[in-house]
Amino acid sequence: MTSRRFCAEAFGTFWLVFAGPITGASMNPARSLAPAIVSMQLGSVWIYLVAPIAGAVASVPLWRCMRRSAGGETLESEGCG
């Protein structure tokens, strides 16, 4: 097993075992969205719609900065550092 795969599985297990019951969040958004839509309790549905988009928007500049700091291709036009 590669170290990346191990890290991903350890992270998922941590959230499933510890953080999920504490926060009440579900690992599968469909398990939260479907009951909320059917019962028309849409107060906290926004986080399941906004978070993936915000994460994608934030990850691109972060990845570019990490790639540059790791000695990858020079990204002069990216403006990180």
C-alpha atoms as a PDB file:
ATOM      1  CA  MET A   1       0.000   0.000   0.000  1.00  0.00           C
ATOM      2  CA  THR A   2       1.408   3.383  -0.938  1.00  0.00           C
ATOM      3  CA  SER A   3       1.828   6.075   1.672  1.00  0.00           C
ATOM      4  CA  ARG A   4      -0.695   8.343  -0.084  1.00  0.00           C
ATOM      5  CA  ARG A   5      -3.343   5.667  -0.031  1.00  0.00           C
ATOM      6  CA  PHE A   6      -2.645   4.936   3.623  1.00  0.00           C
ATOM      7  CA  CYS A   7      -2.929   8.633   4.503  1.00  0.00           C
ATOM      8  CA  ALA A   8      -6.225   8.930   2.628  1.00  0.00           C
ATOM      9  CA  GLU A   9      -7.661   5.859   4.341  1.00  0.00           C
ATOM     10  CA  ALA A  10      -6.455   7.000   7.769  1.00  0.00           C
ATOM     11  CA  PHE A  11      -7.996  10.433   7.220  1.00  0.00           C
ATOM     12  CA  GLY A  12     -11.325   8.933   6.143  1.00  0.00           C
ATOM     13  CA  THR A  13     -11.349   6.535   9.074  1.00  0.00           C
ATOM     14  CA  PHE A  14     -10.634   9.357  11.512  1.00  0.00           C
ATOM     15  CA  TRP A  15     -13.568  11.409  10.243  1.00  0.00           C
ATOM     16  CA  LEU A  16     -15.859   8.412  10.144  1.00  0.00           C
ATOM     17  CA  VAL A  17     -15.062   7.217  13.660  1.00  0.00           C
ATOM     18  CA  PHE A  18     -14.442  10.430  15.610  1.00  0.00           C
ATOM     19  CA  ALA A  19     -15.498  13.630  13.861  1.00  0.00           C
ATOM     20  CA  GLY A  20     -18.728  12.380  12.268  1.00  0.00           C
ATOM     21  CA  PRO A  21     -20.536  11.550  15.515  1.00  0.00           C
ATOM     22  CA  ILE A  22     -19.259  14.714  17.219  1.00  0.00           C
ATOM     23  CA  THR A  23     -20.304  17.127  14.457  1.00  0.00           C
ATOM     24  CA  GLY A  24     -23.334  15.261  13.157  1.00  0.00           C
ATOM     25  CA  ALA A  25     -22.102  15.657   9.578  1.00  0.00           C
ATOM     26  CA  SER A  26     -22.404  12.810   7.128  1.00  0.00           C
ATOM     27  CA  MET A  27     -19.656  11.454   4.897  1.00  0.00           C
ATOM     28  CA  ASN A  28     -22.168  11.033   2.075  1.00  0.00           C
ATOM     29  CA  PRO A  29     -23.983  14.302   1.247  1.00  0.00           C
ATOM     30  CA  ALA A  30     -26.907  12.411  -0.266  1.00  0.00           C
ATOM     31  CA  ARG A  31     -27.696  11.063   3.198  1.00  0.00           C
ATOM     32  CA  SER A  32     -28.129  14.641   4.394  1.00  0.00           C
ATOM     33  CA  LEU A  33     -29.565  16.303   1.306  1.00  0.00           C
ATOM     34  CA  ALA A  34     -32.361  13.859   0.501  1.00  0.00           C
ATOM     35  CA  PRO A  35     -34.040  13.890   3.941  1.00  0.00           C
ATOM     36  CA  ALA A  36     -33.622  17.671   4.191  1.00  0.00           C
ATOM     37  CA  ILE A  37     -35.268  18.231   0.813  1.00  0.00           C
ATOM     38  CA  VAL A  38     -38.094  15.785   1.468  1.00  0.00           C
ATOM     39  CA  SER A  39     -38.860  17.318   4.865  1.00  0.00           C
ATOM     40  CA  MET A  40     -38.289  20.878   3.534  1.00  0.00           C
ATOM     41  CA  GLN A  41     -35.754  21.667   6.293  1.00  0.00           C
ATOM     42  CA  LEU A  42     -33.280  23.514   4.107  1.00  0.00           C
ATOM     43  CA  GLY A  43     -31.532  25.570   6.792  1.00  0.00           C
ATOM     44  CA  SER A  44     -28.184  23.778   6.582  1.00  0.00           C
ATOM     45  CA  VAL A  45     -28.287  22.516   3.000  1.00  0.00           C
ATOM     46  CA  TRP A  46     -26.262  25.496   1.784  1.00  0.00           C
ATOM     47  CA  ILE A  47     -23.013  24.073   3.210  1.00  0.00           C
ATOM     48  CA  TYR A  48     -23.317  20.960   1.031  1.00  0.00           C
ATOM     49  CA  LEU A  49     -23.721  23.171  -2.045  1.00  0.00           C
ATOM     50  CA  VAL A  50     -21.148  25.875  -1.250  1.00  0.00           C
ATOM     51  CA  ALA A  51     -18.326  23.807   0.298  1.00  0.00           C
ATOM     52  CA  PRO A  52     -17.362  21.745  -2.794  1.00  0.00           C
ATOM     53  CA  ILE A  53     -17.231  24.865  -4.965  1.00  0.00           C
ATOM     54  CA  ALA A  54     -15.251  26.830  -2.357  1.00  0.00           C
ATOM     55  CA  GLY A  55     -12.846  23.923  -1.910  1.00  0.00           C
ATOM     56  CA  ALA A  56     -12.234  23.660  -5.642  1.00  0.00           C
ATOM     57  CA  VAL A  57     -11.671  27.413  -5.986  1.00  0.00           C
ATOM     58  CA  ALA A  58      -9.254  27.463  -3.024  1.00  0.00           C
ATOM     59  CA  SER A  59      -7.342  24.339  -4.039  1.00  0.00           C
ATOM     60  CA  VAL A  60      -6.123  25.570  -7.423  1.00  0.00           C
ATOM     61  CA  PRO A  61      -3.980  28.487  -6.167  1.00  0.00           C
ATOM     62  CA  LEU A  62      -2.795  26.390  -3.228  1.00  0.00           C
ATOM     63  CA  TRP A  63      -1.706  23.557  -5.540  1.00  0.00           C
ATOM     64  CA  ARG A  64       0.108  25.995  -7.815  1.00  0.00           C
ATOM     65  CA  CYS A  65       2.006  27.508  -4.882  1.00  0.00           C
ATOM     66  CA  MET A  66       2.893  24.073  -3.536  1.00  0.00           C
ATOM     67  CA  ARG A  67       4.059  22.926  -6.956  1.00  0.00           C
ATOM     68  CA  ARG A  68       6.250  25.964  -7.304  1.00  0.00           C
ATOM     69  CA  SER A  69       7.747  25.669  -3.814  1.00  0.00           C
ATOM     70  CA  ALA A  70       8.488  21.976  -4.422  1.00  0.00           C
ATOM     71  CA  GLY A  71      10.742  22.857  -7.345  1.00  0.00           C
ATOM     72  CA  GLY A  72       8.291  22.060 -10.093  1.00  0.00           C
ATOM     73  CA  GLU A  73       7.828  24.163 -13.177  1.00  0.00           C
ATOM     74  CA  THR A  74       8.308  27.869 -12.664  1.00  0.00           C
ATOM     75  CA  LEU A  75       4.963  29.599 -12.590  1.00  0.00           C
ATOM     76  CA  GLU A  76       5.991  33.226 -12.860  1.00  0.00           C
ATOM     77  CA  SER A  77       2.552  34.419 -13.878  1.00  0.00           C
ATOM     78  CA  GLU A  78       0.766  32.738 -10.957  1.00  0.00           C
ATOM     79  CA  GLY A  79       1.785  35.340  -8.368  1.00  0.00           C
ATOM     80  CA  CYS A  80       2.565  33.145  -5.377  1.00  0.00           C
ATOM     81  CA  GLY A  81       5.717  34.293  -3.672  1.00  0.00           C
END
